[in-house]
Amino acid sequence: MTYPIIETISDILPHLAGRDEFVVAQRDGYTAVDYVYSLPDSFADPYRKECRGLKFDPSGRILARPLHKFVNLGETEETQPHRVAFSIPI
């Protein structure tokens, strides 16, 4: 699996346009990007999938990138039980 390259806030903002479930909030000394609720297609875009606590410094450079978004078994089309290879060791 490859993850999108996010180095500045300008890398992520175009993917959030018109998406009310995501917020860009100014905090004390940084900008946070997160989601407040999810819709069926909220995380269909790989950039939006990364929006769970991203933090950017005042110049827009990334400060923190928490763990990648995960979903529960059966929560999305790709995690339906019939599509998960349980026989493959982790």
PDB file of N, CA and C in Angstrom:
ATOM      1  N   MET A   1       0.846  -1.179   0.000  1.00  0.00           N
ATOM      2  CA  MET A   1       0.000   0.000   0.000  1.00  0.00           C
ATOM      3  C   MET A   1       0.887   1.235   0.000  1.00  0.00           C
ATOM      4  N   THR A   2       0.541   2.190  -0.832  1.00  0.00           N
ATOM      5  CA  THR A   2       1.278   3.450  -0.849  1.00  0.00           C
ATOM      6  C   THR A   2       0.418   4.541  -0.226  1.00  0.00           C
ATOM      7  N   TYR A   3       1.087   5.472   0.396  1.00  0.00           N
ATOM      8  CA  TYR A   3       0.394   6.570   1.047  1.00  0.00           C
ATOM      9  C   TYR A   3       0.727   7.859   0.317  1.00  0.00           C
ATOM     10  N   PRO A   4      -0.205   8.798   0.293  1.00  0.00           N
ATOM     11  CA  PRO A   4       0.054  10.055  -0.410  1.00  0.00           C
ATOM     12  C   PRO A   4       1.171  10.852   0.259  1.00  0.00           C
ATOM     13  N   ILE A   5       1.879  11.599  -0.552  1.00  0.00           N
ATOM     14  CA  ILE A   5       2.931  12.467  -0.027  1.00  0.00           C
ATOM     15  C   ILE A   5       2.280  13.762   0.441  1.00  0.00           C
ATOM     16  N   ILE A   6       2.407  14.019   1.723  1.00  0.00           N
ATOM     17  CA  ILE A   6       1.858  15.236   2.315  1.00  0.00           C
ATOM     18  C   ILE A   6       3.002  15.931   3.038  1.00  0.00           C
ATOM     19  N   GLU A   7       3.473  17.020   2.444  1.00  0.00           N
ATOM     20  CA  GLU A   7       4.561  17.785   3.058  1.00  0.00           C
ATOM     21  C   GLU A   7       4.095  19.144   3.565  1.00  0.00           C
ATOM     22  N   THR A   8       3.058  19.683   2.923  1.00  0.00           N
ATOM     23  CA  THR A   8       2.519  20.987   3.332  1.00  0.00           C
ATOM     24  C   THR A   8       1.000  20.925   3.349  1.00  0.00           C
ATOM     25  N   ILE A   9       0.417  21.902   3.989  1.00  0.00           N
ATOM     26  CA  ILE A   9      -1.043  21.946   4.064  1.00  0.00           C
ATOM     27  C   ILE A   9      -1.669  22.129   2.680  1.00  0.00           C
ATOM     28  N   SER A  10      -0.929  22.746   1.763  1.00  0.00           N
ATOM     29  CA  SER A  10      -1.464  22.924   0.410  1.00  0.00           C
ATOM     30  C   SER A  10      -1.588  21.595  -0.333  1.00  0.00           C
ATOM     31  N   ASP A  11      -0.900  20.556   0.124  1.00  0.00           N
ATOM     32  CA  ASP A  11      -1.048  19.228  -0.471  1.00  0.00           C
ATOM     33  C   ASP A  11      -2.396  18.607  -0.141  1.00  0.00           C
ATOM     34  N   ILE A  12      -2.977  18.993   0.978  1.00  0.00           N
ATOM     35  CA  ILE A  12      -4.208  18.353   1.456  1.00  0.00           C
ATOM     36  C   ILE A  12      -5.471  19.178   1.195  1.00  0.00           C
ATOM     37  N   LEU A  13      -5.354  20.497   1.211  1.00  0.00           N
ATOM     38  CA  LEU A  13      -6.547  21.351   1.117  1.00  0.00           C
ATOM     39  C   LEU A  13      -7.403  21.114  -0.126  1.00  0.00           C
ATOM     40  N   PRO A  14      -6.849  20.905  -1.318  1.00  0.00           N
ATOM     41  CA  PRO A  14      -7.719  20.668  -2.477  1.00  0.00           C
ATOM     42  C   PRO A  14      -8.601  19.421  -2.326  1.00  0.00           C
ATOM     43  N   HIS A  15      -8.163  18.458  -1.549  1.00  0.00           N
ATOM     44  CA  HIS A  15      -8.919  17.220  -1.363  1.00  0.00           C
ATOM     45  C   HIS A  15     -10.051  17.383  -0.347  1.00  0.00           C
ATOM     46  N   LEU A  16     -10.056  18.507   0.362  1.00  0.00           N
ATOM     47  CA  LEU A  16     -11.083  18.759   1.368  1.00  0.00           C
ATOM     48  C   LEU A  16     -12.146  19.739   0.892  1.00  0.00           C
ATOM     49  N   ALA A  17     -11.951  20.315  -0.277  1.00  0.00           N
ATOM     50  CA  ALA A  17     -12.895  21.322  -0.791  1.00  0.00           C
ATOM     51  C   ALA A  17     -14.306  20.736  -0.875  1.00  0.00           C
ATOM     52  N   GLY A  18     -15.246  21.436  -0.244  1.00  0.00           N
ATOM     53  CA  GLY A  18     -16.643  21.021  -0.271  1.00  0.00           C
ATOM     54  C   GLY A  18     -16.973  19.844   0.627  1.00  0.00           C
ATOM     55  N   ARG A  19     -16.037  19.422   1.457  1.00  0.00           N
ATOM     56  CA  ARG A  19     -16.243  18.266   2.345  1.00  0.00           C
ATOM     57  C   ARG A  19     -16.448  18.773   3.765  1.00  0.00           C
ATOM     58  N   ASP A  20     -17.701  18.916   4.186  1.00  0.00           N
ATOM     59  CA  ASP A  20     -18.025  19.472   5.500  1.00  0.00           C
ATOM     60  C   ASP A  20     -17.660  18.561   6.663  1.00  0.00           C
ATOM     61  N   GLU A  21     -17.396  17.293   6.386  1.00  0.00           N
ATOM     62  CA  GLU A  21     -17.046  16.376   7.476  1.00  0.00           C
ATOM     63  C   GLU A  21     -15.609  16.556   7.959  1.00  0.00           C
ATOM     64  N   PHE A  22     -14.825  17.368   7.238  1.00  0.00           N
ATOM     65  CA  PHE A  22     -13.440  17.642   7.621  1.00  0.00           C
ATOM     66  C   PHE A  22     -13.310  19.076   8.105  1.00  0.00           C
ATOM     67  N   VAL A  23     -12.411  19.289   9.064  1.00  0.00           N
ATOM     68  CA  VAL A  23     -12.176  20.631   9.589  1.00  0.00           C
ATOM     69  C   VAL A  23     -10.698  20.977   9.518  1.00  0.00           C
ATOM     70  N   VAL A  24     -10.442  22.241   9.279  1.00  0.00           N
ATOM     71  CA  VAL A  24      -9.092  22.811   9.334  1.00  0.00           C
ATOM     72  C   VAL A  24      -9.177  23.865  10.425  1.00  0.00           C
ATOM     73  N   ALA A  25      -8.521  23.612  11.554  1.00  0.00           N
ATOM     74  CA  ALA A  25      -8.660  24.468  12.728  1.00  0.00           C
ATOM     75  C   ALA A  25      -7.325  25.060  13.155  1.00  0.00           C
ATOM     76  N   GLN A  26      -7.339  26.347  13.441  1.00  0.00           N
ATOM     77  CA  GLN A  26      -6.157  27.026  13.956  1.00  0.00           C
ATOM     78  C   GLN A  26      -6.069  26.756  15.446  1.00  0.00           C
ATOM     79  N   ARG A  27      -4.942  26.257  15.876  1.00  0.00           N
ATOM     80  CA  ARG A  27      -4.686  25.985  17.289  1.00  0.00           C
ATOM     81  C   ARG A  27      -3.547  26.900  17.746  1.00  0.00           C
ATOM     82  N   ASP A  28      -3.122  26.734  18.968  1.00  0.00           N
ATOM     83  CA  ASP A  28      -2.047  27.555  19.514  1.00  0.00           C
ATOM     84  C   ASP A  28      -0.713  27.167  18.870  1.00  0.00           C
ATOM     85  N   GLY A  29      -0.337  27.859  17.798  1.00  0.00           N
ATOM     86  CA  GLY A  29       0.942  27.633  17.147  1.00  0.00           C
ATOM     87  C   GLY A  29       0.949  26.637  16.008  1.00  0.00           C
ATOM     88  N   TYR A  30      -0.191  26.061  15.665  1.00  0.00           N
ATOM     89  CA  TYR A  30      -0.243  25.114  14.551  1.00  0.00           C
ATOM     90  C   TYR A  30      -1.657  25.038  13.980  1.00  0.00           C
ATOM     91  N   THR A  31      -1.795  24.393  12.836  1.00  0.00           N
ATOM     92  CA  THR A  31      -3.090  24.155  12.201  1.00  0.00           C
ATOM     93  C   THR A  31      -3.343  22.658  12.226  1.00  0.00           C
ATOM     94  N   ALA A  32      -4.537  22.268  12.643  1.00  0.00           N
ATOM     95  CA  ALA A  32      -4.907  20.857  12.704  1.00  0.00           C
ATOM     96  C   ALA A  32      -5.939  20.538  11.626  1.00  0.00           C
ATOM     97  N   VAL A  33      -5.794  19.385  11.016  1.00  0.00           N
ATOM     98  CA  VAL A  33      -6.755  18.898  10.027  1.00  0.00           C
ATOM     99  C   VAL A  33      -7.282  17.564  10.539  1.00  0.00           C
ATOM    100  N   ASP A  34      -8.611  17.455  10.613  1.00  0.00           N
ATOM    101  CA  ASP A  34      -9.224  16.254  11.170  1.00  0.00           C
ATOM    102  C   ASP A  34     -10.606  16.071  10.562  1.00  0.00           C
ATOM    103  N   TYR A  35     -11.232  14.969  10.883  1.00  0.00           N
ATOM    104  CA  TYR A  35     -12.619  14.773  10.461  1.00  0.00           C
ATOM    105  C   TYR A  35     -13.493  14.735  11.701  1.00  0.00           C
ATOM    106  N   VAL A  36     -14.746  15.167  11.558  1.00  0.00           N
ATOM    107  CA  VAL A  36     -15.659  15.197  12.695  1.00  0.00           C
ATOM    108  C   VAL A  36     -16.739  14.128  12.578  1.00  0.00           C
ATOM    109  N   TYR A  37     -16.986  13.666  11.391  1.00  0.00           N
ATOM    110  CA  TYR A  37     -17.897  12.537  11.147  1.00  0.00           C
ATOM    111  C   TYR A  37     -17.522  11.961   9.790  1.00  0.00           C
ATOM    112  N   SER A  38     -18.014  10.774   9.488  1.00  0.00           N
ATOM    113  CA  SER A  38     -17.672  10.188   8.194  1.00  0.00           C
ATOM    114  C   SER A  38     -18.933   9.823   7.416  1.00  0.00           C
ATOM    115  N   LEU A  39     -18.815   9.983   6.130  1.00  0.00           N
ATOM    116  CA  LEU A  39     -19.856   9.600   5.180  1.00  0.00           C
ATOM    117  C   LEU A  39     -19.349   8.373   4.419  1.00  0.00           C
ATOM    118  N   PRO A  40     -20.200   7.691   3.685  1.00  0.00           N
ATOM    119  CA  PRO A  40     -19.737   6.495   2.972  1.00  0.00           C
ATOM    120  C   PRO A  40     -18.522   6.731   2.062  1.00  0.00           C
ATOM    121  N   ASP A  41     -18.375   7.934   1.523  1.00  0.00           N
ATOM    122  CA  ASP A  41     -17.241   8.200   0.623  1.00  0.00           C
ATOM    123  C   ASP A  41     -16.184   9.129   1.233  1.00  0.00           C
ATOM    124  N   SER A  42     -16.272   9.391   2.520  1.00  0.00           N
ATOM    125  CA  SER A  42     -15.324  10.318   3.152  1.00  0.00           C
ATOM    126  C   SER A  42     -13.876   9.923   2.928  1.00  0.00           C
ATOM    127  N   PHE A  43     -13.578   8.650   2.993  1.00  0.00           N
ATOM    128  CA  PHE A  43     -12.199   8.205   2.920  1.00  0.00           C
ATOM    129  C   PHE A  43     -11.888   7.473   1.620  1.00  0.00           C
ATOM    130  N   ALA A  44     -12.698   7.712   0.597  1.00  0.00           N
ATOM    131  CA  ALA A  44     -12.439   7.121  -0.717  1.00  0.00           C
ATOM    132  C   ALA A  44     -11.200   7.735  -1.359  1.00  0.00           C
ATOM    133  N   ASP A  45     -10.904   8.962  -1.028  1.00  0.00           N
ATOM    134  CA  ASP A  45      -9.715   9.654  -1.523  1.00  0.00           C
ATOM    135  C   ASP A  45      -8.558   9.346  -0.570  1.00  0.00           C
ATOM    136  N   PRO A  46      -7.403   8.887  -1.074  1.00  0.00           N
ATOM    137  CA  PRO A  46      -6.289   8.542  -0.183  1.00  0.00           C
ATOM    138  C   PRO A  46      -5.782   9.716   0.652  1.00  0.00           C
ATOM    139  N   TYR A  47      -5.930  10.931   0.176  1.00  0.00           N
ATOM    140  CA  TYR A  47      -5.514  12.095   0.967  1.00  0.00           C
ATOM    141  C   TYR A  47      -6.467  12.307   2.133  1.00  0.00           C
ATOM    142  N   ARG A  48      -7.763  12.178   1.894  1.00  0.00           N
ATOM    143  CA  ARG A  48      -8.722  12.354   2.988  1.00  0.00           C
ATOM    144  C   ARG A  48      -8.562  11.253   4.034  1.00  0.00           C
ATOM    145  N   LYS A  49      -8.138  10.082   3.604  1.00  0.00           N
ATOM    146  CA  LYS A  49      -7.929   8.986   4.542  1.00  0.00           C
ATOM    147  C   LYS A  49      -6.844   9.327   5.570  1.00  0.00           C
ATOM    148  N   GLU A  50      -5.953  10.229   5.227  1.00  0.00           N
ATOM    149  CA  GLU A  50      -4.865  10.633   6.122  1.00  0.00           C
ATOM    150  C   GLU A  50      -5.284  11.740   7.092  1.00  0.00           C
ATOM    151  N   CYS A  51      -6.489  12.276   6.948  1.00  0.00           N
ATOM    152  CA  CYS A  51      -6.932  13.432   7.743  1.00  0.00           C
ATOM    153  C   CYS A  51      -7.508  13.016   9.083  1.00  0.00           C
ATOM    154  N   ARG A  52      -6.640  12.606   9.962  1.00  0.00           N
ATOM    155  CA  ARG A  52      -7.050  12.311  11.329  1.00  0.00           C
ATOM    156  C   ARG A  52      -5.969  12.794  12.271  1.00  0.00           C
ATOM    157  N   GLY A  53      -5.920  14.113  12.435  1.00  0.00           N
ATOM    158  CA  GLY A  53      -4.959  14.706  13.352  1.00  0.00           C
ATOM    159  C   GLY A  53      -3.689  15.223  12.713  1.00  0.00           C
ATOM    160  N   LEU A  54      -3.722  15.505  11.412  1.00  0.00           N
ATOM    161  CA  LEU A  54      -2.552  16.115  10.784  1.00  0.00           C
ATOM    162  C   LEU A  54      -2.304  17.477  11.423  1.00  0.00           C
ATOM    163  N   LYS A  55      -1.038  17.800  11.639  1.00  0.00           N
ATOM    164  CA  LYS A  55      -0.698  19.098  12.224  1.00  0.00           C
ATOM    165  C   LYS A  55       0.352  19.768  11.347  1.00  0.00           C
ATOM    166  N   PHE A  56       0.158  21.082  11.126  1.00  0.00           N
ATOM    167  CA  PHE A  56       1.054  21.870  10.283  1.00  0.00           C
ATOM    168  C   PHE A  56       1.536  23.090  11.048  1.00  0.00           C
ATOM    169  N   ASP A  57       2.795  23.467  10.831  1.00  0.00           N
ATOM    170  CA  ASP A  57       3.340  24.649  11.501  1.00  0.00           C
ATOM    171  C   ASP A  57       2.803  25.906  10.817  1.00  0.00           C
ATOM    172  N   PRO A  58       3.084  27.095  11.373  1.00  0.00           N
ATOM    173  CA  PRO A  58       2.548  28.334  10.803  1.00  0.00           C
ATOM    174  C   PRO A  58       2.930  28.573   9.339  1.00  0.00           C
ATOM    175  N   SER A  59       4.051  28.014   8.890  1.00  0.00           N
ATOM    176  CA  SER A  59       4.425  28.187   7.483  1.00  0.00           C
ATOM    177  C   SER A  59       3.739  27.169   6.567  1.00  0.00           C
ATOM    178  N   GLY A  60       3.008  26.214   7.160  1.00  0.00           N
ATOM    179  CA  GLY A  60       2.288  25.219   6.370  1.00  0.00           C
ATOM    180  C   GLY A  60       2.983  23.884   6.231  1.00  0.00           C
ATOM    181  N   ARG A  61       4.186  23.741   6.806  1.00  0.00           N
ATOM    182  CA  ARG A  61       4.919  22.469   6.736  1.00  0.00           C
ATOM    183  C   ARG A  61       4.372  21.481   7.764  1.00  0.00           C
ATOM    184  N   ILE A  62       4.369  20.216   7.424  1.00  0.00           N
ATOM    185  CA  ILE A  62       3.811  19.202   8.326  1.00  0.00           C
ATOM    186  C   ILE A  62       4.650  19.063   9.594  1.00  0.00           C
ATOM    187  N   LEU A  63       3.956  18.987  10.723  1.00  0.00           N
ATOM    188  CA  LEU A  63       4.577  18.788  12.031  1.00  0.00           C
ATOM    189  C   LEU A  63       4.358  17.366  12.531  1.00  0.00           C
ATOM    190  N   ALA A  64       3.135  16.853  12.345  1.00  0.00           N
ATOM    191  CA  ALA A  64       2.782  15.537  12.876  1.00  0.00           C
ATOM    192  C   ALA A  64       1.807  14.842  11.942  1.00  0.00           C
ATOM    193  N   ARG A  65       2.032  13.558  11.795  1.00  0.00           N
ATOM    194  CA  ARG A  65       1.163  12.718  10.970  1.00  0.00           C
ATOM    195  C   ARG A  65       0.885  11.459  11.773  1.00  0.00           C
ATOM    196  N   PRO A  66      -0.252  11.425  12.478  1.00  0.00           N
ATOM    197  CA  PRO A  66      -0.577  10.264  13.315  1.00  0.00           C
ATOM    198  C   PRO A  66      -0.746   8.982  12.490  1.00  0.00           C
ATOM    199  N   LEU A  67      -1.033   7.912  13.165  1.00  0.00           N
ATOM    200  CA  LEU A  67      -1.239   6.630  12.506  1.00  0.00           C
ATOM    201  C   LEU A  67      -2.262   6.739  11.387  1.00  0.00           C
ATOM    202  N   HIS A  68      -2.092   5.906  10.387  1.00  0.00           N
ATOM    203  CA  HIS A  68      -3.008   5.912   9.251  1.00  0.00           C
ATOM    204  C   HIS A  68      -4.410   5.496   9.675  1.00  0.00           C
ATOM    205  N   LYS A  69      -5.387   5.981   8.954  1.00  0.00           N
ATOM    206  CA  LYS A  69      -6.790   5.657   9.209  1.00  0.00           C
ATOM    207  C   LYS A  69      -7.001   4.163   9.050  1.00  0.00           C
ATOM    208  N   PHE A  70      -7.734   3.588   9.958  1.00  0.00           N
ATOM    209  CA  PHE A  70      -8.098   2.188   9.846  1.00  0.00           C
ATOM    210  C   PHE A  70      -9.612   2.095   9.912  1.00  0.00           C
ATOM    211  N   VAL A  71     -10.147   1.007   9.434  1.00  0.00           N
ATOM    212  CA  VAL A  71     -11.597   0.793   9.472  1.00  0.00           C
ATOM    213  C   VAL A  71     -11.871  -0.589  10.036  1.00  0.00           C
ATOM    214  N   ASN A  72     -13.062  -0.780  10.506  1.00  0.00           N
ATOM    215  CA  ASN A  72     -13.472  -2.058  11.059  1.00  0.00           C
ATOM    216  C   ASN A  72     -13.844  -3.036   9.946  1.00  0.00           C
ATOM    217  N   LEU A  73     -13.750  -4.307  10.242  1.00  0.00           N
ATOM    218  CA  LEU A  73     -14.175  -5.342   9.320  1.00  0.00           C
ATOM    219  C   LEU A  73     -15.633  -5.101   8.948  1.00  0.00           C
ATOM    220  N   GLY A  74     -15.907  -5.053   7.651  1.00  0.00           N
ATOM    221  CA  GLY A  74     -17.271  -4.841   7.172  1.00  0.00           C
ATOM    222  C   GLY A  74     -17.697  -3.394   7.050  1.00  0.00           C
ATOM    223  N   GLU A  75     -16.833  -2.460   7.440  1.00  0.00           N
ATOM    224  CA  GLU A  75     -17.203  -1.046   7.427  1.00  0.00           C
ATOM    225  C   GLU A  75     -17.175  -0.442   6.024  1.00  0.00           C
ATOM    226  N   THR A  76     -16.284  -0.935   5.176  1.00  0.00           N
ATOM    227  CA  THR A  76     -16.177  -0.434   3.815  1.00  0.00           C
ATOM    228  C   THR A  76     -16.267  -1.601   2.842  1.00  0.00           C
ATOM    229  N   GLU A  77     -16.373  -1.276   1.551  1.00  0.00           N
ATOM    230  CA  GLU A  77     -16.445  -2.335   0.546  1.00  0.00           C
ATOM    231  C   GLU A  77     -15.212  -3.225   0.573  1.00  0.00           C
ATOM    232  N   GLU A  78     -14.019  -2.616   0.702  1.00  0.00           N
ATOM    233  CA  GLU A  78     -12.805  -3.428   0.681  1.00  0.00           C
ATOM    234  C   GLU A  78     -12.575  -4.230   1.955  1.00  0.00           C
ATOM    235  N   THR A  79     -13.323  -3.961   3.020  1.00  0.00           N
ATOM    236  CA  THR A  79     -13.150  -4.737   4.252  1.00  0.00           C
ATOM    237  C   THR A  79     -14.332  -5.666   4.530  1.00  0.00           C
ATOM    238  N   GLN A  80     -15.114  -5.968   3.519  1.00  0.00           N
ATOM    239  CA  GLN A  80     -16.185  -6.954   3.686  1.00  0.00           C
ATOM    240  C   GLN A  80     -15.538  -8.315   3.928  1.00  0.00           C
ATOM    241  N   PRO A  81     -16.101  -9.128   4.817  1.00  0.00           N
ATOM    242  CA  PRO A  81     -15.476 -10.404   5.169  1.00  0.00           C
ATOM    243  C   PRO A  81     -15.101 -11.285   3.978  1.00  0.00           C
ATOM    244  N   HIS A  82     -15.897 -11.290   2.938  1.00  0.00           N
ATOM    245  CA  HIS A  82     -15.577 -12.143   1.788  1.00  0.00           C
ATOM    246  C   HIS A  82     -14.372 -11.629   0.991  1.00  0.00           C
ATOM    247  N   ARG A  83     -13.915 -10.397   1.256  1.00  0.00           N
ATOM    248  CA  ARG A  83     -12.781  -9.825   0.524  1.00  0.00           C
ATOM    249  C   ARG A  83     -11.483  -9.841   1.330  1.00  0.00           C
ATOM    250  N   VAL A  84     -11.543 -10.283   2.578  1.00  0.00           N
ATOM    251  CA  VAL A  84     -10.361 -10.308   3.433  1.00  0.00           C
ATOM    252  C   VAL A  84      -9.747 -11.702   3.417  1.00  0.00           C
ATOM    253  N   ALA A  85      -8.455 -11.780   3.154  1.00  0.00           N
ATOM    254  CA  ALA A  85      -7.757 -13.070   3.076  1.00  0.00           C
ATOM    255  C   ALA A  85      -7.281 -13.479   4.475  1.00  0.00           C
ATOM    256  N   PHE A  86      -8.150 -14.138   5.217  1.00  0.00           N
ATOM    257  CA  PHE A  86      -7.813 -14.542   6.583  1.00  0.00           C
ATOM    258  C   PHE A  86      -6.735 -15.626   6.610  1.00  0.00           C
ATOM    259  N   SER A  87      -6.507 -16.312   5.520  1.00  0.00           N
ATOM    260  CA  SER A  87      -5.522 -17.404   5.503  1.00  0.00           C
ATOM    261  C   SER A  87      -4.088 -16.916   5.353  1.00  0.00           C
ATOM    262  N   ILE A  88      -3.906 -15.636   5.046  1.00  0.00           N
ATOM    263  CA  ILE A  88      -2.553 -15.086   4.878  1.00  0.00           C
ATOM    264  C   ILE A  88      -2.028 -14.618   6.234  1.00  0.00           C
ATOM    265  N   PRO A  89      -0.877 -15.173   6.665  1.00  0.00           N
ATOM    266  CA  PRO A  89      -0.328 -14.742   7.962  1.00  0.00           C
ATOM    267  C   PRO A  89       0.092 -13.274   7.924  1.00  0.00           C
ATOM    268  N   ILE A  90       0.002 -12.635   9.059  1.00  0.00           N
ATOM    269  CA  ILE A  90       0.400 -11.225   9.159  1.00  0.00           C
ATOM    270  C   ILE A  90       1.882 -11.141   9.420  1.00  0.00           C
TER     271      ILE A  90
END
